Amino acid sequence: MAKEELDGNGLDTKREKFCQAYVLYRNATEAAKAAGYSERSAYNQGSRLLKSPKIQERIENLEKEMETNIDVISEIEAQYKYAKDNNNTGSALKALELLSRAKGKDDDEEAPKTVKELEAEIIRSLEILGEQRATALFLACSWFVSPPDQVDDDDSDDEEAEVDELLEENLDELLEEPGDDQ
């Protein structure tokens, strides 16, 4: 039986296929099957091949070829800044979500544990949304103003008038940037 020709890496075609499949599957048995080894011997062949220094070196080289020079975190941060600067809230939120995933943050670990942490998170979120949307959300809260179909008695009308009056008196102050002096 003629010996199979070796490629530039010193591996025959079957072993080269094994290396390429291993990089994809990260499973020696699956890689051996993909390279053409029999179903029955794939487990043993995969294990044996992974012990070979030539195979290990080729797998390392293939993995390096797959690496990219793009700094994903910087790219997503740039997309977030662009979206935020152009008032594209949906894109900004998506970029934040991707950053969270890329940095490997676990939502359970990052959940606010105190009222102060929750308030800080709310402020950060409102700043992302911008002044107009944050104000609209605040005004849409159920505790701020009762819907008209639920207002039946005179006391509710008095409360609503009082809230409107307080809002008019303090609206400029509420919307004023912190640290601004008039």
C-alpha atoms as a PDB file:
ATOM      1  CA  MET A   1       0.000   0.000   0.000  1.00  0.00           C
ATOM      2  CA  ALA A   2       1.440   3.361  -1.003  1.00  0.00           C
ATOM      3  CA  LYS A   3       2.196   5.867   1.712  1.00  0.00           C
ATOM      4  CA  GLU A   4      -0.117   8.921   1.596  1.00  0.00           C
ATOM      5  CA  GLU A   5       1.536  12.191   0.627  1.00  0.00           C
ATOM      6  CA  LEU A   6       2.284  14.670   3.418  1.00  0.00           C
ATOM      7  CA  ASP A   7       1.281  18.301   3.259  1.00  0.00           C
ATOM      8  CA  GLY A   8       3.492  21.278   4.174  1.00  0.00           C
ATOM      9  CA  ASN A   9       2.814  20.651   7.869  1.00  0.00           C
ATOM     10  CA  GLY A  10       4.164  17.105   7.811  1.00  0.00           C
ATOM     11  CA  LEU A  11       0.688  15.558   8.159  1.00  0.00           C
ATOM     12  CA  ASP A  12      -1.225  13.319   5.820  1.00  0.00           C
ATOM     13  CA  THR A  13      -4.632  14.438   4.557  1.00  0.00           C
ATOM     14  CA  LYS A  14      -6.572  12.496   7.179  1.00  0.00           C
ATOM     15  CA  ARG A  15      -4.600  13.975  10.087  1.00  0.00           C
ATOM     16  CA  GLU A  16      -4.889  17.493   8.626  1.00  0.00           C
ATOM     17  CA  LYS A  17      -8.663  17.039   8.406  1.00  0.00           C
ATOM     18  CA  PHE A  18      -8.645  15.841  12.022  1.00  0.00           C
ATOM     19  CA  CYS A  19      -6.821  19.006  13.140  1.00  0.00           C
ATOM     20  CA  GLN A  20      -9.186  21.291  11.242  1.00  0.00           C
ATOM     21  CA  ALA A  21     -12.253  19.469  12.585  1.00  0.00           C
ATOM     22  CA  TYR A  22     -10.878  19.519  16.133  1.00  0.00           C
ATOM     23  CA  VAL A  23     -10.507  23.322  15.969  1.00  0.00           C
ATOM     24  CA  LEU A  24     -14.180  23.535  14.953  1.00  0.00           C
ATOM     25  CA  TYR A  25     -15.720  20.909  17.253  1.00  0.00           C
ATOM     26  CA  ARG A  26     -13.312  20.905  20.226  1.00  0.00           C
ATOM     27  CA  ASN A  27     -14.130  17.199  20.485  1.00  0.00           C
ATOM     28  CA  ALA A  28     -11.585  14.534  19.480  1.00  0.00           C
ATOM     29  CA  THR A  29     -14.173  11.837  18.690  1.00  0.00           C
ATOM     30  CA  GLU A  30     -16.221  14.129  16.444  1.00  0.00           C
ATOM     31  CA  ALA A  31     -13.059  15.391  14.762  1.00  0.00           C
ATOM     32  CA  ALA A  32     -11.902  11.822  14.072  1.00  0.00           C
ATOM     33  CA  LYS A  33     -15.273  10.951  12.518  1.00  0.00           C
ATOM     34  CA  ALA A  34     -15.153  14.103  10.374  1.00  0.00           C
ATOM     35  CA  ALA A  35     -11.630  13.180   9.240  1.00  0.00           C
ATOM     36  CA  GLY A  36     -12.852   9.804   8.000  1.00  0.00           C
ATOM     37  CA  TYR A  37     -12.026   7.433  10.836  1.00  0.00           C
ATOM     38  CA  SER A  38     -14.628   4.737  11.466  1.00  0.00           C
ATOM     39  CA  GLU A  39     -17.421   5.283  13.974  1.00  0.00           C
ATOM     40  CA  ARG A  40     -16.082   2.338  15.975  1.00  0.00           C
ATOM     41  CA  SER A  41     -12.513   3.591  16.268  1.00  0.00           C
ATOM     42  CA  ALA A  42     -13.123   7.358  16.370  1.00  0.00           C
ATOM     43  CA  TYR A  43     -12.874   7.652  20.167  1.00  0.00           C
ATOM     44  CA  ASN A  44      -9.530   5.818  20.373  1.00  0.00           C
ATOM     45  CA  GLN A  45      -8.111   7.461  17.237  1.00  0.00           C
ATOM     46  CA  GLY A  46      -9.074  10.930  18.472  1.00  0.00           C
ATOM     47  CA  SER A  47      -7.458  10.366  21.831  1.00  0.00           C
ATOM     48  CA  ARG A  48      -4.292   8.950  20.236  1.00  0.00           C
ATOM     49  CA  LEU A  49      -4.013  11.775  17.701  1.00  0.00           C
ATOM     50  CA  LEU A  50      -4.338  14.490  20.367  1.00  0.00           C
ATOM     51  CA  LYS A  51      -1.249  13.084  22.116  1.00  0.00           C
ATOM     52  CA  SER A  52       0.918  13.596  19.021  1.00  0.00           C
ATOM     53  CA  PRO A  53       3.188  16.687  19.241  1.00  0.00           C
ATOM     54  CA  LYS A  54       2.781  17.335  15.478  1.00  0.00           C
ATOM     55  CA  ILE A  55      -1.005  17.265  15.828  1.00  0.00           C
ATOM     56  CA  GLN A  56      -0.914  19.554  18.875  1.00  0.00           C
ATOM     57  CA  GLU A  57       1.345  22.017  17.035  1.00  0.00           C
ATOM     58  CA  ARG A  58      -0.917  22.033  13.961  1.00  0.00           C
ATOM     59  CA  ILE A  59      -4.026  22.618  16.104  1.00  0.00           C
ATOM     60  CA  GLU A  60      -2.254  25.523  17.828  1.00  0.00           C
ATOM     61  CA  ASN A  61      -1.308  27.042  14.457  1.00  0.00           C
ATOM     62  CA  LEU A  62      -4.864  26.677  13.141  1.00  0.00           C
ATOM     63  CA  GLU A  63      -6.248  28.383  16.258  1.00  0.00           C
ATOM     64  CA  LYS A  64      -3.803  31.266  15.835  1.00  0.00           C
ATOM     65  CA  GLU A  65      -4.894  31.668  12.211  1.00  0.00           C
ATOM     66  CA  MET A  66      -8.472  32.046  13.420  1.00  0.00           C
ATOM     67  CA  GLU A  67      -7.629  34.838  15.868  1.00  0.00           C
ATOM     68  CA  THR A  68      -8.462  38.382  14.870  1.00  0.00           C
ATOM     69  CA  ASN A  69      -6.654  41.629  15.471  1.00  0.00           C
ATOM     70  CA  ILE A  70      -9.901  43.529  16.073  1.00  0.00           C
ATOM     71  CA  ASP A  71     -10.389  44.780  19.619  1.00  0.00           C
ATOM     72  CA  VAL A  72     -14.062  43.869  19.990  1.00  0.00           C
ATOM     73  CA  ILE A  73     -14.563  45.771  23.243  1.00  0.00           C
ATOM     74  CA  SER A  74     -13.204  49.023  21.762  1.00  0.00           C
ATOM     75  CA  GLU A  75     -15.348  48.617  18.655  1.00  0.00           C
ATOM     76  CA  ILE A  76     -18.549  48.087  20.678  1.00  0.00           C
ATOM     77  CA  GLU A  77     -17.682  51.015  22.960  1.00  0.00           C
ATOM     78  CA  ALA A  78     -17.217  53.218  19.880  1.00  0.00           C
ATOM     79  CA  GLN A  79     -20.605  52.071  18.526  1.00  0.00           C
ATOM     80  CA  TYR A  80     -22.220  52.861  21.892  1.00  0.00           C
ATOM     81  CA  LYS A  81     -20.704  56.372  21.958  1.00  0.00           C
ATOM     82  CA  TYR A  82     -21.816  57.043  18.370  1.00  0.00           C
ATOM     83  CA  ALA A  83     -25.370  55.805  19.066  1.00  0.00           C
ATOM     84  CA  LYS A  84     -25.612  57.822  22.284  1.00  0.00           C
ATOM     85  CA  ASP A  85     -24.253  60.992  20.633  1.00  0.00           C
ATOM     86  CA  ASN A  86     -26.809  60.641  17.835  1.00  0.00           C
ATOM     87  CA  ASN A  87     -29.759  59.937  20.175  1.00  0.00           C
ATOM     88  CA  ASN A  88     -30.185  56.398  18.882  1.00  0.00           C
ATOM     89  CA  THR A  89     -31.312  54.851  22.160  1.00  0.00           C
ATOM     90  CA  GLY A  90     -32.080  51.397  20.747  1.00  0.00           C
ATOM     91  CA  SER A  91     -28.603  51.024  19.287  1.00  0.00           C
ATOM     92  CA  ALA A  92     -27.006  52.389  22.454  1.00  0.00           C
ATOM     93  CA  LEU A  93     -28.853  49.853  24.592  1.00  0.00           C
ATOM     94  CA  LYS A  94     -27.919  47.020  22.217  1.00  0.00           C
ATOM     95  CA  ALA A  95     -24.266  48.087  22.387  1.00  0.00           C
ATOM     96  CA  LEU A  96     -24.433  48.052  26.199  1.00  0.00           C
ATOM     97  CA  GLU A  97     -25.940  44.574  26.097  1.00  0.00           C
ATOM     98  CA  LEU A  98     -23.152  43.362  23.808  1.00  0.00           C
ATOM     99  CA  LEU A  99     -20.519  44.971  26.034  1.00  0.00           C
ATOM    100  CA  SER A 100     -21.981  43.208  29.021  1.00  0.00           C
ATOM    101  CA  ARG A 101     -21.800  39.867  27.206  1.00  0.00           C
ATOM    102  CA  ALA A 102     -18.308  40.500  25.824  1.00  0.00           C
ATOM    103  CA  LYS A 103     -16.995  41.405  29.237  1.00  0.00           C
ATOM    104  CA  GLY A 104     -18.656  38.309  30.657  1.00  0.00           C
ATOM    105  CA  LYS A 105     -20.729  40.014  33.294  1.00  0.00           C
ATOM    106  CA  ASP A 106     -23.316  37.836  34.961  1.00  0.00           C
ATOM    107  CA  ASP A 107     -26.611  39.656  35.421  1.00  0.00           C
ATOM    108  CA  ASP A 108     -27.195  38.004  38.807  1.00  0.00           C
ATOM    109  CA  GLU A 109     -23.891  39.283  40.177  1.00  0.00           C
ATOM    110  CA  GLU A 110     -24.438  42.784  38.817  1.00  0.00           C
ATOM    111  CA  ALA A 111     -27.954  43.310  40.180  1.00  0.00           C
ATOM    112  CA  PRO A 112     -28.142  46.243  42.601  1.00  0.00           C
ATOM    113  CA  LYS A 113     -28.145  45.044  46.195  1.00  0.00           C
ATOM    114  CA  THR A 114     -29.017  48.299  47.956  1.00  0.00           C
ATOM    115  CA  VAL A 115     -31.373  51.192  47.338  1.00  0.00           C
ATOM    116  CA  LYS A 116     -28.385  53.457  46.684  1.00  0.00           C
ATOM    117  CA  GLU A 117     -27.028  51.054  44.016  1.00  0.00           C
ATOM    118  CA  LEU A 118     -30.487  50.813  42.433  1.00  0.00           C
ATOM    119  CA  GLU A 119     -30.791  54.615  42.347  1.00  0.00           C
ATOM    120  CA  ALA A 120     -27.362  54.889  40.715  1.00  0.00           C
ATOM    121  CA  GLU A 121     -28.397  52.313  38.085  1.00  0.00           C
ATOM    122  CA  ILE A 122     -31.649  54.189  37.410  1.00  0.00           C
ATOM    123  CA  ILE A 123     -29.763  57.475  36.999  1.00  0.00           C
ATOM    124  CA  ARG A 124     -27.314  55.825  34.576  1.00  0.00           C
ATOM    125  CA  SER A 125     -30.216  54.418  32.560  1.00  0.00           C
ATOM    126  CA  LEU A 126     -32.067  57.744  32.490  1.00  0.00           C
ATOM    127  CA  GLU A 127     -28.918  59.506  31.297  1.00  0.00           C
ATOM    128  CA  ILE A 128     -28.672  57.021  28.428  1.00  0.00           C
ATOM    129  CA  LEU A 129     -32.270  57.718  27.443  1.00  0.00           C
ATOM    130  CA  GLY A 130     -31.785  61.468  27.510  1.00  0.00           C
ATOM    131  CA  GLU A 131     -33.729  64.264  29.184  1.00  0.00           C
ATOM    132  CA  GLN A 132     -36.861  64.184  27.016  1.00  0.00           C
ATOM    133  CA  ARG A 133     -37.446  60.446  27.226  1.00  0.00           C
ATOM    134  CA  ALA A 134     -36.565  60.311  30.921  1.00  0.00           C
ATOM    135  CA  THR A 135     -39.052  63.109  31.657  1.00  0.00           C
ATOM    136  CA  ALA A 136     -41.727  61.377  29.585  1.00  0.00           C
ATOM    137  CA  LEU A 137     -41.138  58.143  31.487  1.00  0.00           C
ATOM    138  CA  PHE A 138     -41.333  59.945  34.803  1.00  0.00           C
ATOM    139  CA  LEU A 139     -44.606  61.578  33.829  1.00  0.00           C
ATOM    140  CA  ALA A 140     -45.991  58.214  32.669  1.00  0.00           C
ATOM    141  CA  CYS A 141     -45.559  56.620  36.106  1.00  0.00           C
ATOM    142  CA  SER A 142     -48.851  55.475  37.593  1.00  0.00           C
ATOM    143  CA  TRP A 143     -48.198  57.199  40.924  1.00  0.00           C
ATOM    144  CA  PHE A 144     -47.574  60.568  39.298  1.00  0.00           C
ATOM    145  CA  VAL A 145     -51.046  61.269  37.844  1.00  0.00           C
ATOM    146  CA  SER A 146     -54.104  59.031  37.932  1.00  0.00           C
ATOM    147  CA  PRO A 147     -55.675  58.153  34.589  1.00  0.00           C
ATOM    148  CA  PRO A 148     -58.777  60.296  33.887  1.00  0.00           C
ATOM    149  CA  ASP A 149     -61.208  57.339  33.969  1.00  0.00           C
ATOM    150  CA  GLN A 150     -60.271  56.614  37.590  1.00  0.00           C
ATOM    151  CA  VAL A 151     -60.862  60.164  38.871  1.00  0.00           C
ATOM    152  CA  ASP A 152     -64.383  60.350  40.278  1.00  0.00           C
ATOM    153  CA  ASP A 153     -64.449  62.386  43.449  1.00  0.00           C
ATOM    154  CA  ASP A 154     -63.643  65.998  44.338  1.00  0.00           C
ATOM    155  CA  ASP A 155     -60.648  64.989  46.524  1.00  0.00           C
ATOM    156  CA  SER A 156     -58.900  63.493  43.491  1.00  0.00           C
ATOM    157  CA  ASP A 157     -59.483  66.688  41.530  1.00  0.00           C
ATOM    158  CA  ASP A 158     -57.969  68.692  44.388  1.00  0.00           C
ATOM    159  CA  GLU A 159     -54.943  66.377  44.514  1.00  0.00           C
ATOM    160  CA  GLU A 160     -54.449  66.616  40.751  1.00  0.00           C
ATOM    161  CA  ALA A 161     -54.666  70.427  40.848  1.00  0.00           C
ATOM    162  CA  GLU A 162     -52.156  70.498  43.705  1.00  0.00           C
ATOM    163  CA  VAL A 163     -49.749  68.239  41.809  1.00  0.00           C
ATOM    164  CA  ASP A 164     -50.109  70.370  38.657  1.00  0.00           C
ATOM    165  CA  GLU A 165     -49.425  73.518  40.652  1.00  0.00           C
ATOM    166  CA  LEU A 166     -46.344  72.010  42.328  1.00  0.00           C
ATOM    167  CA  LEU A 167     -45.104  70.730  39.000  1.00  0.00           C
ATOM    168  CA  GLU A 168     -45.456  74.132  37.341  1.00  0.00           C
ATOM    169  CA  GLU A 169     -43.644  75.827  40.230  1.00  0.00           C
ATOM    170  CA  ASN A 170     -40.789  73.317  40.286  1.00  0.00           C
ATOM    171  CA  LEU A 171     -40.530  72.086  36.680  1.00  0.00           C
ATOM    172  CA  ASP A 172     -37.617  74.345  35.758  1.00  0.00           C
ATOM    173  CA  GLU A 173     -35.793  73.297  38.898  1.00  0.00           C
ATOM    174  CA  LEU A 174     -36.431  69.579  38.199  1.00  0.00           C
ATOM    175  CA  LEU A 175     -35.159  69.825  34.635  1.00  0.00           C
ATOM    176  CA  GLU A 176     -32.163  71.987  35.523  1.00  0.00           C
ATOM    177  CA  GLU A 177     -28.770  70.294  35.125  1.00  0.00           C
ATOM    178  CA  PRO A 178     -27.086  69.546  38.484  1.00  0.00           C
ATOM    179  CA  GLY A 179     -24.538  72.250  39.286  1.00  0.00           C
ATOM    180  CA  ASP A 180     -26.141  74.877  37.005  1.00  0.00           C
ATOM    181  CA  ASP A 181     -26.596  78.251  38.702  1.00  0.00           C
ATOM    182  CA  GLN A 182     -29.147  80.724  37.371  1.00  0.00           C
END
